[in-house]
């Protein structure tokens, strides 16, 4: 069958797991066509796989005037009732306020363009990742064409306002909802009528174990190396991580901290590094392509994250697959992946606990080695992408070809 994957941006540097999922489904014989609302910026197309994905993806924005006009004429001439029904649905499926009313018109126009392309390509099923504006476009376009539609939910932000306000409608319209964690599925349960619960299934984000670099031996590093991968934004807790790391440095622990990512907190983080006197102990590499990120993780002794909110971060899976133990906050779906056999958990926002976990991990090489081996086995058992897509294969197969 021919399935459309729709996202806000494809490919995207922080969403390589979607590209892996698409490729794994194609390997299993599913004809997956990729659709995206926006094109990635040139700087975000970082690898050959990204370039190939970009070249084969249909983009809604920016629309050519003739394409926009042609889509409207197509809708009015072939499906006038459906176009009107979709407009009414767009006006209702929105948060209150004038701004959201205006955006409802934009989403409707994008949905009409998408519907025309879905019809042209004879798509049988549309799947969205993330309950964001792209999911609104997918929800509207499939309602106009009466196509099966499904959605993957990832994190807490999808249950917050405004996305959470609109989520019950999407769940009601979806053929199924894929949840990357049991925690996320439970959050969807609480805002969904129980007769809809069977729609919500667990579909893990997966890794292609064949694409991972080799682990770099610890003996090749002059001192222990801690790596943190994530957008430099407030919810990632980098300032707290720096304070916990500084606490251990003052206690005499000799280690290096490497930060990978960019974002709005960069200047504040740089100022905190200076304030704490960590200039010789912290390296900021900025945003990097996924293959470089994996090499940096493979060349580290511990991966740490200090977030206040998460879903089930793929970077934790990548670290464990590389036999790198992790330190992470005990939030959302993380305890479904990390326990004391492969890493250490701490209460989110408790920087003393985080500092203590850093100390424990960095002072015990044998423990790190045992945790790394256990982490690798855990990923192979549940998060290999070819195994992770099996629930999707089962659900897609129920649609007519």
Protein backbone atom coordinates (compact mmCIF):
# COMPACT_ATOMS: atom_id res chain seq x y z
CA UNK A 1 0.00 0.00 0.00
CA UNK A 2 1.04 3.61 -0.45
CA UNK A 3 1.42 5.55 2.80
CA UNK A 4 2.14 9.27 3.20
CA UNK A 5 4.32 10.48 6.06
CA UNK A 6 3.61 14.12 6.90
CA UNK A 7 5.65 16.35 9.23
CA UNK A 8 6.20 20.06 9.79
CA UNK A 9 9.72 19.74 8.37
CA UNK A 10 11.36 16.80 6.68
CA UNK A 11 14.16 16.04 7.06
CA UNK A 12 14.97 17.77 10.37
CA UNK A 13 18.26 17.50 12.30
CA UNK A 14 16.59 16.55 15.58
CA UNK A 15 14.14 14.10 14.00
CA UNK A 16 16.37 11.58 12.28
CA UNK A 17 14.29 8.84 13.94
CA UNK A 18 11.48 9.65 11.47
CA UNK A 19 13.84 9.12 8.54
CA UNK A 20 14.92 5.79 10.05
CA UNK A 21 11.29 4.75 10.52
CA UNK A 22 10.48 5.61 6.91
CA UNK A 23 13.44 3.61 5.61
CA UNK A 24 12.60 0.61 7.82
CA UNK A 25 9.02 0.56 6.54
CA UNK A 26 10.25 0.74 2.96
CA UNK A 27 12.55 -2.22 3.62
CA UNK A 28 9.44 -4.13 4.73
CA UNK A 29 7.68 -3.38 1.44
CA UNK A 30 5.57 -0.36 2.40
CA UNK A 31 5.50 2.33 -0.30
CA UNK A 32 6.13 5.42 1.88
CA UNK A 33 5.98 8.87 0.27
CA UNK A 34 7.14 11.82 2.36
CA UNK A 35 5.31 15.14 2.67
CA UNK A 36 6.29 18.21 4.65
CA UNK A 37 4.77 21.60 5.37
CA UNK A 38 8.13 23.42 5.25
CA UNK A 39 11.42 22.89 3.50
CA UNK A 40 14.50 22.58 5.70
CA UNK A 41 17.01 25.41 5.50
CA UNK A 42 20.11 24.62 3.46
CA UNK A 43 22.20 24.44 6.65
CA UNK A 44 19.87 21.78 8.05
CA UNK A 45 20.41 19.36 5.16
CA UNK A 46 23.58 17.90 6.62
CA UNK A 47 24.07 14.45 5.10
CA UNK A 48 23.58 12.50 1.90
CA UNK A 49 20.55 10.82 3.44
CA UNK A 50 19.10 14.24 4.23
CA UNK A 51 19.65 15.40 0.66
CA UNK A 52 18.00 12.32 -0.77
CA UNK A 53 15.04 12.73 1.59
CA UNK A 54 14.70 16.40 0.72
CA UNK A 55 14.80 15.74 -3.02
CA UNK A 56 11.98 13.18 -2.84
CA UNK A 57 9.66 15.07 -0.45
CA UNK A 58 6.63 17.15 -1.45
CA UNK A 59 6.51 20.56 0.27
CA UNK A 60 3.47 22.75 0.86
CA UNK A 61 5.35 25.96 1.68
CA UNK A 62 6.19 28.33 0.22
CA UNK A 63 3.32 27.77 -2.24
CA UNK A 64 3.58 28.83 -5.86
CA UNK A 65 0.59 31.13 -6.63
CA UNK A 66 -0.55 28.92 -9.50
CA UNK A 67 -0.34 25.82 -7.29
CA UNK A 68 -2.42 27.50 -4.61
CA UNK A 69 -5.03 28.70 -7.12
CA UNK A 70 -5.08 25.38 -8.94
CA UNK A 71 -5.72 23.51 -5.69
CA UNK A 72 -8.67 25.72 -4.84
CA UNK A 73 -10.16 25.25 -8.31
CA UNK A 74 -9.59 21.49 -8.09
CA UNK A 75 -11.35 21.31 -4.72
CA UNK A 76 -14.32 23.42 -5.83
CA UNK A 77 -14.75 21.51 -9.09
CA UNK A 78 -14.26 17.96 -7.82
CA UNK A 79 -15.20 18.02 -4.12
CA UNK A 80 -17.13 21.20 -3.34
CA UNK A 81 -18.99 19.67 -0.39
CA UNK A 82 -15.80 18.19 1.01
CA UNK A 83 -13.95 21.50 0.68
CA UNK A 84 -16.74 23.31 2.55
CA UNK A 85 -16.91 20.62 5.23
CA UNK A 86 -13.15 20.86 5.69
CA UNK A 87 -13.31 24.64 6.02
CA UNK A 88 -15.97 24.33 8.73
CA UNK A 89 -13.83 21.73 10.50
CA UNK A 90 -10.77 24.01 10.30
CA UNK A 91 -12.70 26.89 11.85
CA UNK A 92 -13.87 24.65 14.70
CA UNK A 93 -10.61 22.78 15.29
CA UNK A 94 -8.66 25.67 16.81
CA UNK A 95 -8.02 27.46 20.09
CA UNK A 96 -10.05 30.60 20.81
CA UNK A 97 -8.84 33.96 19.54
CA UNK A 98 -8.54 36.03 16.37
CA UNK A 99 -5.01 34.85 15.59
CA UNK A 100 -6.02 31.20 15.62
CA UNK A 101 -9.00 32.06 13.39
CA UNK A 102 -6.64 33.53 10.80
CA UNK A 103 -4.33 30.53 11.06
CA UNK A 104 -7.29 28.19 10.59
CA UNK A 105 -7.69 29.70 7.12
CA UNK A 106 -4.00 29.08 6.39
CA UNK A 107 -4.22 25.47 7.56
CA UNK A 108 -7.30 24.94 5.39
CA UNK A 109 -5.48 26.27 2.31
CA UNK A 110 -2.48 24.04 3.04
CA UNK A 111 -4.81 21.07 3.55
CA UNK A 112 -6.43 21.66 0.15
CA UNK A 113 -3.01 21.68 -1.55
CA UNK A 114 -2.03 18.55 0.33
CA UNK A 115 -5.32 16.80 -0.49
CA UNK A 116 -4.83 17.43 -4.19
CA UNK A 117 -1.31 15.91 -4.06
CA UNK A 118 -2.47 12.95 -1.96
CA UNK A 119 -5.19 12.29 -4.52
CA UNK A 120 -2.73 12.63 -7.41
CA UNK A 121 -0.31 10.15 -5.83
CA UNK A 122 -3.12 7.73 -4.90
CA UNK A 123 -2.19 7.68 -1.22
CA UNK A 124 -4.11 5.11 0.84
CA UNK A 125 -3.16 6.25 4.38
CA UNK A 126 -1.62 9.37 5.95
CA UNK A 127 0.54 9.28 9.08
CA UNK A 128 1.70 12.33 11.05
CA UNK A 129 4.47 12.64 13.63
CA UNK A 130 3.73 15.11 16.47
CA UNK A 131 0.39 16.74 17.32
CA UNK A 132 1.47 20.09 15.89
CA UNK A 133 0.23 22.32 13.02
CA UNK A 134 1.28 19.72 10.45
CA UNK A 135 -1.06 17.28 12.18
CA UNK A 136 -3.87 19.83 11.80
CA UNK A 137 -3.14 19.96 8.06
CA UNK A 138 -3.10 16.16 7.85
CA UNK A 139 -6.29 15.87 9.90
CA UNK A 140 -8.08 18.32 7.59
CA UNK A 141 -6.79 16.93 4.30
CA UNK A 142 -7.70 13.34 5.14
CA UNK A 143 -11.15 14.36 6.34
CA UNK A 144 -11.77 15.97 2.95
CA UNK A 145 -10.64 12.85 1.06
CA UNK A 146 -12.10 10.40 3.59
CA UNK A 147 -8.67 8.76 3.94
CA UNK A 148 -7.46 6.79 6.97
CA UNK A 149 -5.22 8.93 9.16
CA UNK A 150 -2.95 8.21 12.14
CA UNK A 151 -0.63 10.10 14.45
CA UNK A 152 2.47 9.49 16.59
CA UNK A 153 2.58 11.28 19.97
CA UNK A 154 6.01 11.98 21.45
CA UNK A 155 6.13 14.32 24.44
CA UNK A 156 4.50 16.42 27.11
CA UNK A 157 4.18 19.51 24.91
CA UNK A 158 1.54 17.69 22.85
CA UNK A 159 -0.69 17.52 25.91
CA UNK A 160 -0.17 21.18 26.87
CA UNK A 161 -2.16 24.11 25.53
CA UNK A 162 -2.87 24.66 22.67
CA UNK A 163 -2.05 21.22 21.22
CA UNK A 164 -3.70 19.41 24.13
CA UNK A 165 -6.95 21.31 23.63
CA UNK A 166 -7.24 19.90 20.11
CA UNK A 167 -5.92 16.41 20.81
CA UNK A 168 -9.26 14.71 21.63
CA UNK A 169 -10.60 15.65 18.18
CA UNK A 170 -7.53 14.19 16.53
CA UNK A 171 -7.73 10.98 18.54
CA UNK A 172 -11.39 10.66 17.62
CA UNK A 173 -10.62 11.05 13.92
CA UNK A 174 -7.54 8.81 13.85
CA UNK A 175 -7.51 5.18 12.86
CA UNK A 176 -4.84 4.67 15.50
CA UNK A 177 -2.51 6.71 17.71
CA UNK A 178 1.09 5.56 18.12
CA UNK A 179 2.64 6.53 21.48
CA UNK A 180 6.41 6.31 21.94
CA UNK A 181 6.06 5.57 25.67
CA UNK A 182 3.61 4.07 28.13
CA UNK A 183 3.70 7.37 30.00
CA UNK A 184 2.60 9.24 26.88
CA UNK A 185 -0.17 6.75 26.23
CA UNK A 186 -1.41 7.22 29.81
CA UNK A 187 -1.57 10.98 29.25
CA UNK A 188 -3.65 10.37 26.13
CA UNK A 189 -5.90 7.99 28.12
CA UNK A 190 -6.75 10.69 30.63
CA UNK A 191 -8.13 13.03 27.96
CA UNK A 192 -9.85 10.37 25.85
CA UNK A 193 -13.14 8.52 26.19
CA UNK A 194 -12.38 4.93 27.29
CA UNK A 195 -14.03 3.49 24.18
CA UNK A 196 -11.16 5.09 22.19
CA UNK A 197 -8.39 3.53 24.27
CA UNK A 198 -7.87 0.57 21.92
CA UNK A 199 -6.68 3.05 19.30
CA UNK A 200 -3.63 3.95 21.38
CA UNK A 201 -0.70 1.61 20.81
CA UNK A 202 2.99 1.64 21.77
CA UNK A 203 5.38 2.22 18.88
CA UNK A 204 8.95 2.87 19.98
CA UNK A 205 11.26 5.19 18.10
CA UNK A 206 13.95 2.91 16.78
CA UNK A 207 17.63 2.84 15.91
CA UNK A 208 19.33 1.20 12.97
CA UNK A 209 22.04 -0.71 14.78
CA UNK A 210 23.93 -1.10 11.48
CA UNK A 211 24.58 2.66 11.28
CA UNK A 212 26.29 3.11 14.63
CA UNK A 213 29.99 3.94 14.89
CA UNK A 214 32.37 1.87 16.98
CA UNK A 215 32.74 2.71 20.66
CA UNK A 216 35.96 4.61 21.38
CA UNK A 217 37.92 2.94 24.25
CA UNK A 218 38.10 4.94 27.47
CA UNK A 219 41.89 4.55 27.51
CA UNK A 220 42.11 6.88 24.50
CA UNK A 221 40.89 9.89 26.55
CA UNK A 222 43.12 11.92 28.86
CA UNK A 223 40.27 12.36 31.35
CA UNK A 224 36.63 11.22 31.63
CA UNK A 225 34.31 12.90 29.14
CA UNK A 226 30.65 13.74 29.72
CA UNK A 227 28.48 14.63 26.70
CA UNK A 228 25.09 16.36 26.63
CA UNK A 229 23.11 16.48 23.38
CA UNK A 230 20.08 18.72 23.08
CA UNK A 231 18.69 22.02 21.97
CA UNK A 232 19.97 24.92 24.08
CA UNK A 233 16.54 25.90 25.39
CA UNK A 234 15.18 26.48 28.92
CA UNK A 235 13.41 23.14 29.32
CA UNK A 236 16.69 21.23 28.78
CA UNK A 237 18.16 22.42 32.10
CA UNK A 238 21.71 23.19 30.90
CA UNK A 239 22.28 25.81 33.62
CA UNK A 240 21.54 23.22 36.31
CA UNK A 241 23.83 20.72 34.59
CA UNK A 242 26.68 23.25 34.62
CA UNK A 243 26.17 23.91 38.32
CA UNK A 244 26.15 20.18 39.12
CA UNK A 245 29.26 19.64 37.01
CA UNK A 246 30.98 22.62 38.68
CA UNK A 247 30.17 21.15 42.10
CA UNK A 248 32.05 17.98 41.19
CA UNK A 249 34.96 19.91 39.70
CA UNK A 250 35.32 21.87 42.96
CA UNK A 251 35.33 18.54 44.81
CA UNK A 252 38.37 17.50 42.79
CA UNK A 253 36.83 15.43 39.99
CA UNK A 254 38.79 15.96 36.76
CA UNK A 255 36.48 15.63 33.75
CA UNK A 256 35.39 17.35 30.54
CA UNK A 257 31.83 18.36 29.61
CA UNK A 258 30.86 18.57 25.93
CA UNK A 259 27.61 20.31 24.91
CA UNK A 260 26.14 19.62 21.46
CA UNK A 261 23.28 21.73 20.15
CA UNK A 262 22.23 25.31 19.60
CA UNK A 263 19.30 27.45 20.59
CA UNK A 264 18.07 30.55 22.41
CA UNK A 265 19.91 29.81 25.68
CA UNK A 266 23.37 29.76 24.12
CA UNK A 267 24.47 33.21 25.39
CA UNK A 268 23.19 32.48 28.90
CA UNK A 269 24.97 29.12 28.96
CA UNK A 270 28.22 30.69 27.80
CA UNK A 271 27.91 33.33 30.52
CA UNK A 272 27.32 30.63 33.14
CA UNK A 273 30.40 28.72 31.99
CA UNK A 274 32.42 31.90 32.46
CA UNK A 275 30.84 32.63 35.86
CA UNK A 276 31.64 29.14 37.12
CA UNK A 277 35.17 29.20 35.76
CA UNK A 278 34.62 26.17 33.53
CA UNK A 279 36.20 27.58 30.37
CA UNK A 280 38.90 24.89 30.35
CA UNK A 281 36.48 22.08 31.15
CA UNK A 282 33.52 22.75 28.81
CA UNK A 283 33.38 22.44 25.02
CA UNK A 284 30.42 23.73 23.01
CA UNK A 285 30.22 22.17 19.55
CA UNK A 286 26.95 23.74 18.39
CA UNK A 287 24.51 21.91 16.14
CA UNK A 288 26.01 18.90 14.36
CA UNK A 289 24.79 16.33 11.83
CA UNK A 290 23.62 13.07 13.32
CA UNK A 291 26.66 11.07 12.27
CA UNK A 292 28.95 13.56 14.04
CA UNK A 293 26.72 13.46 17.13
CA UNK A 294 26.99 9.68 17.25
CA UNK A 295 30.77 9.83 16.95
CA UNK A 296 30.96 12.35 19.81
CA UNK A 297 28.76 10.15 22.01
CA UNK A 298 30.86 7.11 21.12
CA UNK A 299 33.92 9.08 22.24
CA UNK A 300 32.45 9.84 25.68
CA UNK A 301 32.24 8.01 28.98
CA UNK A 302 28.78 9.18 30.06
CA UNK A 303 25.84 10.88 28.38
CA UNK A 304 23.85 13.22 30.63
CA UNK A 305 20.65 15.16 30.24
CA UNK A 306 19.15 17.56 32.76
CA UNK A 307 15.74 18.28 31.22
CA UNK A 308 12.62 19.39 33.09
CA UNK A 309 10.34 17.74 30.51
CA UNK A 310 10.87 15.04 27.91
CA UNK A 311 9.12 12.25 26.07
CA UNK A 312 11.42 9.30 25.53
CA UNK A 313 14.60 10.87 24.11
CA UNK A 314 16.18 9.06 21.19
CA UNK A 315 19.62 10.31 22.22
CA UNK A 316 19.40 8.13 25.35
CA UNK A 317 18.74 5.12 23.12
CA UNK A 318 21.69 6.06 20.92
CA UNK A 319 24.03 6.33 23.89
CA UNK A 320 22.97 2.98 25.32
CA UNK A 321 23.29 1.35 21.90
CA UNK A 322 26.87 2.67 21.82
CA UNK A 323 27.48 1.13 25.27
CA UNK A 324 27.67 4.57 26.88
CA UNK A 325 25.83 4.69 30.24
CA UNK A 326 23.48 7.60 30.86
CA UNK A 327 22.37 9.97 33.61
CA UNK A 328 18.88 11.35 33.13
CA UNK A 329 15.95 12.89 35.02
CA UNK A 330 13.21 10.61 36.25
CA UNK A 331 10.49 12.13 34.07
CA UNK A 332 7.90 10.94 31.55
CA UNK A 333 8.98 7.85 29.59
CA UNK A 334 12.65 7.87 30.60
CA UNK A 335 12.27 5.27 33.42
CA UNK A 336 10.85 2.88 30.78
CA UNK A 337 14.31 2.87 29.22
CA UNK A 338 16.79 3.70 32.00
CA UNK A 339 17.24 1.99 35.35
CA UNK A 340 20.23 1.38 37.62
CA UNK A 341 21.52 -1.45 35.43
CA UNK A 342 22.32 0.88 32.52
CA UNK A 343 22.34 4.37 34.03
CA UNK A 344 21.38 6.62 36.90
CA UNK A 345 18.18 8.62 37.37
CA UNK A 346 17.77 11.77 39.46
CA UNK A 347 14.83 13.90 40.53
CA UNK A 348 14.34 16.62 37.89
CA UNK A 349 15.74 19.94 39.06
CA UNK A 350 17.68 18.40 41.97
CA UNK A 351 21.19 19.49 41.03
CA UNK A 352 22.75 17.95 44.15
CA UNK A 353 21.40 14.56 43.06
CA UNK A 354 22.72 15.15 39.56
CA UNK A 355 26.13 16.12 40.92
CA UNK A 356 26.18 12.98 43.06
CA UNK A 357 25.26 10.84 40.04
CA UNK A 358 28.07 12.39 38.02
CA UNK A 359 30.50 11.65 40.81
CA UNK A 360 29.39 8.04 41.16
CA UNK A 361 29.56 7.36 37.46
CA UNK A 362 32.83 9.09 36.64
CA UNK A 363 34.75 7.50 39.52
CA UNK A 364 33.85 3.90 38.66
CA UNK A 365 35.06 2.73 35.21
CA UNK A 366 34.02 -0.88 35.83
CA UNK A 367 30.48 0.17 36.64
CA UNK A 368 30.35 2.19 33.43
CA UNK A 369 31.52 -0.85 31.48
CA UNK A 370 28.82 -3.09 33.00
CA UNK A 371 26.11 -0.50 32.42
CA UNK A 372 27.21 -0.01 28.82
CA UNK A 373 26.89 -3.72 28.06
CA UNK A 374 23.43 -3.88 29.65
CA UNK A 375 22.30 -0.78 27.78
CA UNK A 376 23.28 -2.26 24.44
CA UNK A 377 21.31 -5.44 25.15
CA UNK A 378 18.25 -3.41 26.13
CA UNK A 379 18.27 -1.44 22.88
CA UNK A 380 18.73 -4.57 20.77
CA UNK A 381 15.76 -6.20 22.51
CA UNK A 382 13.18 -3.42 22.10
CA UNK A 383 14.44 -0.41 20.16
CA UNK A 384 15.99 -1.82 16.98
CA UNK A 385 14.06 0.00 14.25
CA UNK A 386 13.14 -3.14 12.32
CA UNK A 387 11.44 -4.47 15.43
CA UNK A 388 10.03 -1.09 16.43
CA UNK A 389 8.03 -0.65 13.19
CA UNK A 390 6.21 -3.98 13.51
CA UNK A 391 3.11 -2.43 15.17
CA UNK A 392 2.92 0.12 12.35
CA UNK A 393 3.18 -2.60 9.72
CA UNK A 394 0.29 -4.43 11.37
CA UNK A 395 -1.91 -1.33 11.47
CA UNK A 396 -1.12 -0.14 7.96
CA UNK A 397 -1.85 -3.62 6.61
CA UNK A 398 -5.43 -3.35 7.81
CA UNK A 399 -6.11 -0.61 5.26
CA UNK A 400 -7.21 -1.58 1.76
CA UNK A 401 -4.42 -1.33 -0.81
